[in-house]
Amino acid sequence: MNFSTYLNFIGLTINIIGSIFLAISLNKIIKAYNSSITALEHFKDTLLSGKDVLSFTGLDMQRKNALHNNKTLTQIGLVMLILGFVLQLVGILLNK
């Protein structure tokens, strides 16, 4: 195997790891948004039906915490994806 093949392999491996980081961080963020949307739908339904309205507290803090805690993981995943694509591109250009 030559140098360009190694670069392609390393780039692909970095892309896979970066994709896993992005999937984990975005999954946590989506869960926080999903719970907020569900609470808002429940609030709307009970308000329109004339029943007693339940108050959900802390959802905005949960959403902010999810965004803050996963910001670093998302940035690492994006940097790894970009680095992996660059390594694969360099490997292809060196192969010609």
C-alpha atoms as a PDB file:
ATOM      1  CA  MET A   1       0.000   0.000   0.000  1.00  0.00           C
ATOM      2  CA  ASN A   2       1.297   3.412  -0.887  1.00  0.00           C
ATOM      3  CA  PHE A   3       1.132   6.719   1.008  1.00  0.00           C
ATOM      4  CA  SER A   4      -2.057   7.946  -0.711  1.00  0.00           C
ATOM      5  CA  THR A   5      -3.903   4.779   0.311  1.00  0.00           C
ATOM      6  CA  TYR A   6      -2.893   5.336   3.921  1.00  0.00           C
ATOM      7  CA  LEU A   7      -4.143   8.921   3.749  1.00  0.00           C
ATOM      8  CA  ASN A   8      -7.479   7.744   2.358  1.00  0.00           C
ATOM      9  CA  PHE A   9      -7.797   5.115   5.076  1.00  0.00           C
ATOM     10  CA  ILE A  10      -6.906   7.546   7.870  1.00  0.00           C
ATOM     11  CA  GLY A  11      -9.320  10.133   6.440  1.00  0.00           C
ATOM     12  CA  LEU A  12     -12.125   7.582   6.284  1.00  0.00           C
ATOM     13  CA  THR A  13     -11.476   6.484   9.865  1.00  0.00           C
ATOM     14  CA  ILE A  14     -11.529  10.088  11.088  1.00  0.00           C
ATOM     15  CA  ASN A  15     -14.780  10.666   9.174  1.00  0.00           C
ATOM     16  CA  ILE A  16     -16.411   7.679  10.863  1.00  0.00           C
ATOM     17  CA  ILE A  17     -15.361   8.826  14.336  1.00  0.00           C
ATOM     18  CA  GLY A  18     -16.502  12.401  13.612  1.00  0.00           C
ATOM     19  CA  SER A  19     -19.866  11.129  12.384  1.00  0.00           C
ATOM     20  CA  ILE A  20     -20.327   9.135  15.584  1.00  0.00           C
ATOM     21  CA  PHE A  21     -19.543  12.238  17.675  1.00  0.00           C
ATOM     22  CA  LEU A  22     -22.093  14.255  15.703  1.00  0.00           C
ATOM     23  CA  ALA A  23     -24.743  11.560  15.998  1.00  0.00           C
ATOM     24  CA  ILE A  24     -24.340  11.335  19.775  1.00  0.00           C
ATOM     25  CA  SER A  25     -24.412  15.090  20.385  1.00  0.00           C
ATOM     26  CA  LEU A  26     -27.283  15.817  18.015  1.00  0.00           C
ATOM     27  CA  ASN A  27     -29.324  12.950  19.471  1.00  0.00           C
ATOM     28  CA  LYS A  28     -29.140  14.549  22.922  1.00  0.00           C
ATOM     29  CA  ILE A  29     -30.120  17.950  21.522  1.00  0.00           C
ATOM     30  CA  ILE A  30     -33.068  16.504  19.601  1.00  0.00           C
ATOM     31  CA  LYS A  31     -34.330  14.731  22.726  1.00  0.00           C
ATOM     32  CA  ALA A  32     -34.343  18.047  24.616  1.00  0.00           C
ATOM     33  CA  TYR A  33     -36.234  19.810  21.826  1.00  0.00           C
ATOM     34  CA  ASN A  34     -38.671  16.924  21.486  1.00  0.00           C
ATOM     35  CA  SER A  35     -39.620  17.087  25.170  1.00  0.00           C
ATOM     36  CA  SER A  36     -40.155  20.856  24.890  1.00  0.00           C
ATOM     37  CA  ILE A  37     -42.378  20.490  21.834  1.00  0.00           C
ATOM     38  CA  THR A  38     -44.405  17.730  23.507  1.00  0.00           C
ATOM     39  CA  ALA A  39     -44.951  19.913  26.583  1.00  0.00           C
ATOM     40  CA  LEU A  40     -46.050  22.846  24.412  1.00  0.00           C
ATOM     41  CA  GLU A  41     -48.503  20.650  22.507  1.00  0.00           C
ATOM     42  CA  HIS A  42     -49.953  19.365  25.770  1.00  0.00           C
ATOM     43  CA  PHE A  43     -50.247  22.929  27.089  1.00  0.00           C
ATOM     44  CA  LYS A  44     -52.037  24.034  23.903  1.00  0.00           C
ATOM     45  CA  ASP A  45     -54.435  21.084  23.951  1.00  0.00           C
ATOM     46  CA  THR A  46     -55.422  21.580  27.586  1.00  0.00           C
ATOM     47  CA  LEU A  47     -55.773  25.342  27.142  1.00  0.00           C
ATOM     48  CA  LEU A  48     -58.049  24.958  24.114  1.00  0.00           C
ATOM     49  CA  SER A  49     -60.177  22.275  25.770  1.00  0.00           C
ATOM     50  CA  GLY A  50     -60.888  24.490  28.773  1.00  0.00           C
ATOM     51  CA  LYS A  51     -59.464  22.031  31.287  1.00  0.00           C
ATOM     52  CA  ASP A  52     -56.948  22.846  33.996  1.00  0.00           C
ATOM     53  CA  VAL A  53     -53.623  23.780  32.479  1.00  0.00           C
ATOM     54  CA  LEU A  54     -50.532  21.990  33.741  1.00  0.00           C
ATOM     55  CA  SER A  55     -47.389  24.038  34.004  1.00  0.00           C
ATOM     56  CA  PHE A  56     -44.101  22.510  32.903  1.00  0.00           C
ATOM     57  CA  THR A  57     -41.024  24.198  34.313  1.00  0.00           C
ATOM     58  CA  GLY A  58     -37.363  23.687  33.639  1.00  0.00           C
ATOM     59  CA  LEU A  59     -37.672  22.739  29.981  1.00  0.00           C
ATOM     60  CA  ASP A  60     -35.897  25.875  28.820  1.00  0.00           C
ATOM     61  CA  MET A  61     -32.996  25.107  31.146  1.00  0.00           C
ATOM     62  CA  GLN A  62     -32.896  21.502  29.918  1.00  0.00           C
ATOM     63  CA  ARG A  63     -32.712  22.737  26.329  1.00  0.00           C
ATOM     64  CA  LYS A  64     -29.997  25.293  27.143  1.00  0.00           C
ATOM     65  CA  ASN A  65     -27.969  22.689  29.038  1.00  0.00           C
ATOM     66  CA  ALA A  66     -28.236  20.225  26.148  1.00  0.00           C
ATOM     67  CA  LEU A  67     -27.001  22.859  23.705  1.00  0.00           C
ATOM     68  CA  HIS A  68     -24.193  24.005  25.994  1.00  0.00           C
ATOM     69  CA  ASN A  69     -22.985  20.522  26.969  1.00  0.00           C
ATOM     70  CA  ASN A  70     -22.979  19.155  23.427  1.00  0.00           C
ATOM     71  CA  LYS A  71     -21.518  22.222  21.719  1.00  0.00           C
ATOM     72  CA  THR A  72     -17.941  21.002  22.184  1.00  0.00           C
ATOM     73  CA  LEU A  73     -18.742  17.474  21.014  1.00  0.00           C
ATOM     74  CA  THR A  74     -20.467  18.849  17.915  1.00  0.00           C
ATOM     75  CA  GLN A  75     -17.506  21.099  17.093  1.00  0.00           C
ATOM     76  CA  ILE A  76     -15.055  18.224  17.511  1.00  0.00           C
ATOM     77  CA  GLY A  77     -17.178  16.061  15.215  1.00  0.00           C
ATOM     78  CA  LEU A  78     -17.327  18.759  12.533  1.00  0.00           C
ATOM     79  CA  VAL A  79     -13.574  19.385  12.689  1.00  0.00           C
ATOM     80  CA  MET A  80     -12.935  15.647  12.387  1.00  0.00           C
ATOM     81  CA  LEU A  81     -15.230  15.416   9.354  1.00  0.00           C
ATOM     82  CA  ILE A  82     -13.479  18.318   7.630  1.00  0.00           C
ATOM     83  CA  LEU A  83     -10.034  16.905   8.451  1.00  0.00           C
ATOM     84  CA  GLY A  84     -11.050  13.477   7.158  1.00  0.00           C
ATOM     85  CA  PHE A  85     -12.341  14.906   3.886  1.00  0.00           C
ATOM     86  CA  VAL A  86      -9.165  16.938   3.420  1.00  0.00           C
ATOM     87  CA  LEU A  87      -6.995  13.871   4.025  1.00  0.00           C
ATOM     88  CA  GLN A  88      -9.005  11.863   1.509  1.00  0.00           C
ATOM     89  CA  LEU A  89      -8.741  14.666  -1.045  1.00  0.00           C
ATOM     90  CA  VAL A  90      -4.973  14.902  -0.562  1.00  0.00           C
ATOM     91  CA  GLY A  91      -4.721  11.136  -0.879  1.00  0.00           C
ATOM     92  CA  ILE A  92      -6.613  11.212  -4.163  1.00  0.00           C
ATOM     93  CA  LEU A  93      -4.539  14.090  -5.526  1.00  0.00           C
ATOM     94  CA  LEU A  94      -1.273  12.352  -4.576  1.00  0.00           C
ATOM     95  CA  ASN A  95      -2.407   9.179  -6.329  1.00  0.00           C
ATOM     96  CA  LYS A  96      -2.552  10.938  -9.729  1.00  0.00           C
END
